[in-house]
Amino acid sequence: MNSSHSEGKDENFKYLKVVLEATSIPFVLLGGPMVGFFIGSFLDQKFGSGKVFLLLFVVLGFVAAVKETIFIIKRVQKGA
C-alpha cells in the first residue's frame, strides 16, 4: 500500500516537472532577444555605431533562445 502511494507521488512530480519545463519555452524565446536588445542598445549608445550591435545581439539572442528551446523540448520528450 505504501509503495503504490509513493509511485503515485513520483508520477505526479514527473508530470509537474514536464509541464513546468514546457511552459518555460515562451519565456526563453522572448528573453533571449530581449537581453540581446538591451545589450546591443547599450553598446550602440556607448560606441555610437547606429544599430549594428543591436541587430547583432538580437539575432544572437534569438539563436541562443531557439537552441535552448530545442534542449527543453528534448528534455520534455525524454521525461514524458
N, C-alpha and C. Protein backbone atom coordinates (compact mmCIF):
# COMPACT_ATOMS: atom_id res chain seq x y z
N MET A 1 0.83 -1.19 0.00
CA MET A 1 0.00 0.00 0.00
C MET A 1 0.87 1.25 0.00
N ASN A 2 1.89 1.25 0.77
CA ASN A 2 2.78 2.40 0.84
C ASN A 2 3.54 2.59 -0.47
N SER A 3 3.89 1.50 -1.13
CA SER A 3 4.64 1.57 -2.37
C SER A 3 3.83 2.22 -3.48
N SER A 4 2.55 1.89 -3.60
CA SER A 4 1.72 2.47 -4.65
C SER A 4 1.49 3.96 -4.40
N HIS A 5 1.39 4.35 -3.15
CA HIS A 5 1.24 5.77 -2.81
C HIS A 5 2.48 6.55 -3.21
N SER A 6 3.64 5.96 -2.96
CA SER A 6 4.90 6.59 -3.32
C SER A 6 5.05 6.68 -4.84
N GLU A 7 4.64 5.64 -5.55
CA GLU A 7 4.72 5.65 -7.01
C GLU A 7 3.80 6.72 -7.60
N GLY A 8 2.63 6.91 -7.01
CA GLY A 8 1.71 7.94 -7.47
C GLY A 8 2.29 9.33 -7.29
N LYS A 9 2.96 9.56 -6.17
CA LYS A 9 3.61 10.85 -5.93
C LYS A 9 4.73 11.09 -6.94
N ASP A 10 5.52 10.04 -7.19
CA ASP A 10 6.61 10.17 -8.16
C ASP A 10 6.07 10.49 -9.54
N GLU A 11 4.97 9.85 -9.93
CA GLU A 11 4.36 10.08 -11.24
C GLU A 11 3.81 11.51 -11.32
N ASN A 12 3.19 11.99 -10.25
CA ASN A 12 2.68 13.36 -10.24
C ASN A 12 3.81 14.37 -10.32
N PHE A 13 4.90 14.11 -9.59
CA PHE A 13 6.06 15.00 -9.62
C PHE A 13 6.68 15.03 -11.01
N LYS A 14 6.77 13.88 -11.65
CA LYS A 14 7.32 13.79 -13.00
C LYS A 14 6.47 14.58 -13.99
N TYR A 15 5.15 14.44 -13.88
CA TYR A 15 4.23 15.17 -14.75
C TYR A 15 4.35 16.68 -14.52
N LEU A 16 4.42 17.10 -13.29
CA LEU A 16 4.55 18.52 -12.96
C LEU A 16 5.85 19.09 -13.51
N LYS A 17 6.93 18.34 -13.41
CA LYS A 17 8.22 18.78 -13.92
C LYS A 17 8.16 18.98 -15.44
N VAL A 18 7.53 18.06 -16.15
CA VAL A 18 7.39 18.16 -17.60
C VAL A 18 6.57 19.38 -17.97
N VAL A 19 5.47 19.61 -17.27
CA VAL A 19 4.61 20.76 -17.55
C VAL A 19 5.36 22.07 -17.30
N LEU A 20 6.07 22.16 -16.21
CA LEU A 20 6.82 23.39 -15.90
C LEU A 20 7.91 23.66 -16.92
N GLU A 21 8.59 22.61 -17.35
CA GLU A 21 9.63 22.81 -18.38
C GLU A 21 9.02 23.27 -19.69
N ALA A 22 7.89 22.68 -20.07
CA ALA A 22 7.25 23.04 -21.33
C ALA A 22 6.71 24.47 -21.29
N THR A 23 6.21 24.91 -20.15
CA THR A 23 5.68 26.27 -20.07
C THR A 23 6.79 27.32 -20.00
N SER A 24 8.01 26.91 -19.83
CA SER A 24 9.11 27.88 -19.81
C SER A 24 9.54 28.29 -21.22
N ILE A 25 9.11 27.56 -22.24
CA ILE A 25 9.54 27.83 -23.62
C ILE A 25 9.22 29.25 -24.07
N PRO A 26 8.00 29.77 -23.89
CA PRO A 26 7.75 31.15 -24.35
C PRO A 26 8.64 32.18 -23.67
N PHE A 27 8.95 31.97 -22.40
CA PHE A 27 9.81 32.91 -21.68
C PHE A 27 11.24 32.87 -22.22
N VAL A 28 11.70 31.69 -22.57
CA VAL A 28 13.04 31.56 -23.14
C VAL A 28 13.09 32.24 -24.50
N LEU A 29 12.07 31.99 -25.33
CA LEU A 29 12.05 32.57 -26.67
C LEU A 29 11.93 34.09 -26.64
N LEU A 30 11.30 34.62 -25.63
CA LEU A 30 11.17 36.07 -25.51
C LEU A 30 12.39 36.68 -24.81
N GLY A 31 12.93 35.97 -23.85
CA GLY A 31 14.02 36.51 -23.05
C GLY A 31 15.33 36.68 -23.79
N GLY A 32 15.68 35.74 -24.66
CA GLY A 32 16.94 35.82 -25.39
C GLY A 32 17.05 37.08 -26.24
N PRO A 33 16.08 37.32 -27.13
CA PRO A 33 16.15 38.54 -27.93
C PRO A 33 16.04 39.83 -27.10
N MET A 34 15.28 39.77 -26.00
CA MET A 34 15.18 40.97 -25.15
C MET A 34 16.52 41.32 -24.52
N VAL A 35 17.22 40.33 -24.01
CA VAL A 35 18.54 40.57 -23.43
C VAL A 35 19.48 41.09 -24.52
N GLY A 36 19.40 40.49 -25.70
CA GLY A 36 20.22 40.96 -26.82
C GLY A 36 19.90 42.39 -27.20
N PHE A 37 18.62 42.75 -27.13
CA PHE A 37 18.21 44.13 -27.44
C PHE A 37 18.85 45.12 -26.46
N PHE A 38 18.79 44.82 -25.18
CA PHE A 38 19.34 45.74 -24.18
C PHE A 38 20.87 45.84 -24.27
N ILE A 39 21.52 44.71 -24.46
CA ILE A 39 22.98 44.74 -24.59
C ILE A 39 23.38 45.50 -25.85
N GLY A 40 22.72 45.19 -26.97
CA GLY A 40 23.02 45.87 -28.23
C GLY A 40 22.76 47.36 -28.17
N SER A 41 21.65 47.76 -27.54
CA SER A 41 21.34 49.19 -27.40
C SER A 41 22.41 49.90 -26.58
N PHE A 42 22.81 49.26 -25.49
CA PHE A 42 23.84 49.85 -24.63
C PHE A 42 25.14 50.04 -25.41
N LEU A 43 25.56 49.01 -26.13
CA LEU A 43 26.82 49.09 -26.87
C LEU A 43 26.73 50.11 -28.02
N ASP A 44 25.59 50.18 -28.68
CA ASP A 44 25.42 51.18 -29.75
C ASP A 44 25.50 52.60 -29.20
N GLN A 45 24.91 52.84 -28.04
CA GLN A 45 25.00 54.17 -27.43
C GLN A 45 26.43 54.48 -27.00
N LYS A 46 27.08 53.47 -26.45
CA LYS A 46 28.44 53.68 -25.96
C LYS A 46 29.42 53.98 -27.10
N PHE A 47 29.28 53.27 -28.22
CA PHE A 47 30.23 53.43 -29.33
C PHE A 47 29.68 54.27 -30.48
N GLY A 48 28.41 54.67 -30.41
CA GLY A 48 27.82 55.47 -31.47
C GLY A 48 27.82 54.76 -32.81
N SER A 49 27.46 53.50 -32.81
CA SER A 49 27.57 52.68 -34.02
C SER A 49 26.24 52.44 -34.72
N GLY A 50 25.29 53.32 -34.56
CA GLY A 50 23.99 53.12 -35.21
C GLY A 50 23.23 51.99 -34.56
N LYS A 51 22.87 51.00 -35.35
CA LYS A 51 22.14 49.85 -34.82
C LYS A 51 22.85 48.53 -35.10
N VAL A 52 24.14 48.59 -35.29
CA VAL A 52 24.91 47.40 -35.64
C VAL A 52 24.87 46.38 -34.49
N PHE A 53 25.23 46.81 -33.29
CA PHE A 53 25.26 45.89 -32.15
C PHE A 53 23.85 45.45 -31.77
N LEU A 54 22.89 46.32 -31.92
CA LEU A 54 21.50 45.97 -31.61
C LEU A 54 21.06 44.78 -32.46
N LEU A 55 21.24 44.89 -33.76
CA LEU A 55 20.85 43.80 -34.65
C LEU A 55 21.65 42.53 -34.37
N LEU A 56 22.94 42.68 -34.17
CA LEU A 56 23.79 41.53 -33.92
C LEU A 56 23.35 40.78 -32.66
N PHE A 57 23.14 41.50 -31.57
CA PHE A 57 22.81 40.85 -30.31
C PHE A 57 21.38 40.33 -30.27
N VAL A 58 20.46 40.97 -30.97
CA VAL A 58 19.10 40.43 -31.05
C VAL A 58 19.11 39.10 -31.81
N VAL A 59 19.86 39.05 -32.90
CA VAL A 59 19.96 37.79 -33.66
C VAL A 59 20.65 36.71 -32.83
N LEU A 60 21.73 37.07 -32.15
CA LEU A 60 22.42 36.09 -31.29
C LEU A 60 21.51 35.62 -30.15
N GLY A 61 20.74 36.53 -29.58
CA GLY A 61 19.80 36.16 -28.53
C GLY A 61 18.72 35.23 -29.04
N PHE A 62 18.24 35.48 -30.25
CA PHE A 62 17.23 34.60 -30.83
C PHE A 62 17.80 33.22 -31.11
N VAL A 63 19.00 33.16 -31.66
CA VAL A 63 19.64 31.87 -31.94
C VAL A 63 19.85 31.09 -30.64
N ALA A 64 20.32 31.76 -29.61
CA ALA A 64 20.52 31.10 -28.31
C ALA A 64 19.19 30.61 -27.74
N ALA A 65 18.13 31.40 -27.90
CA ALA A 65 16.81 31.02 -27.39
C ALA A 65 16.27 29.80 -28.13
N VAL A 66 16.46 29.76 -29.44
CA VAL A 66 15.99 28.59 -30.21
C VAL A 66 16.78 27.35 -29.80
N LYS A 67 18.07 27.51 -29.61
CA LYS A 67 18.91 26.38 -29.19
C LYS A 67 18.45 25.85 -27.82
N GLU A 68 18.20 26.74 -26.89
CA GLU A 68 17.73 26.33 -25.56
C GLU A 68 16.34 25.70 -25.64
N THR A 69 15.49 26.21 -26.51
CA THR A 69 14.16 25.65 -26.69
C THR A 69 14.24 24.21 -27.20
N ILE A 70 15.16 23.96 -28.10
CA ILE A 70 15.35 22.59 -28.60
C ILE A 70 15.78 21.67 -27.47
N PHE A 71 16.69 22.14 -26.61
CA PHE A 71 17.10 21.33 -25.46
C PHE A 71 15.94 21.07 -24.51
N ILE A 72 15.10 22.08 -24.29
CA ILE A 72 13.93 21.90 -23.41
C ILE A 72 12.98 20.87 -24.00
N ILE A 73 12.72 20.96 -25.30
CA ILE A 73 11.81 20.02 -25.94
C ILE A 73 12.36 18.60 -25.83
N LYS A 74 13.66 18.42 -26.01
CA LYS A 74 14.25 17.08 -25.87
C LYS A 74 14.11 16.56 -24.45
N ARG A 75 14.30 17.44 -23.45
CA ARG A 75 14.14 17.01 -22.05
C ARG A 75 12.69 16.63 -21.76
N VAL A 76 11.76 17.41 -22.31
CA VAL A 76 10.34 17.13 -22.09
C VAL A 76 9.96 15.80 -22.74
N GLN A 77 10.44 15.56 -23.95
CA GLN A 77 10.14 14.29 -24.62
C GLN A 77 10.73 13.11 -23.86
N LYS A 78 11.92 13.30 -23.31
CA LYS A 78 12.55 12.22 -22.55
C LYS A 78 11.80 11.96 -21.24
N GLY A 79 11.27 13.02 -20.64
CA GLY A 79 10.56 12.89 -19.37
C GLY A 79 9.16 12.35 -19.51
N ALA A 80 8.58 12.44 -20.71
CA ALA A 80 7.18 12.01 -20.90
C ALA A 80 7.06 10.53 -21.11
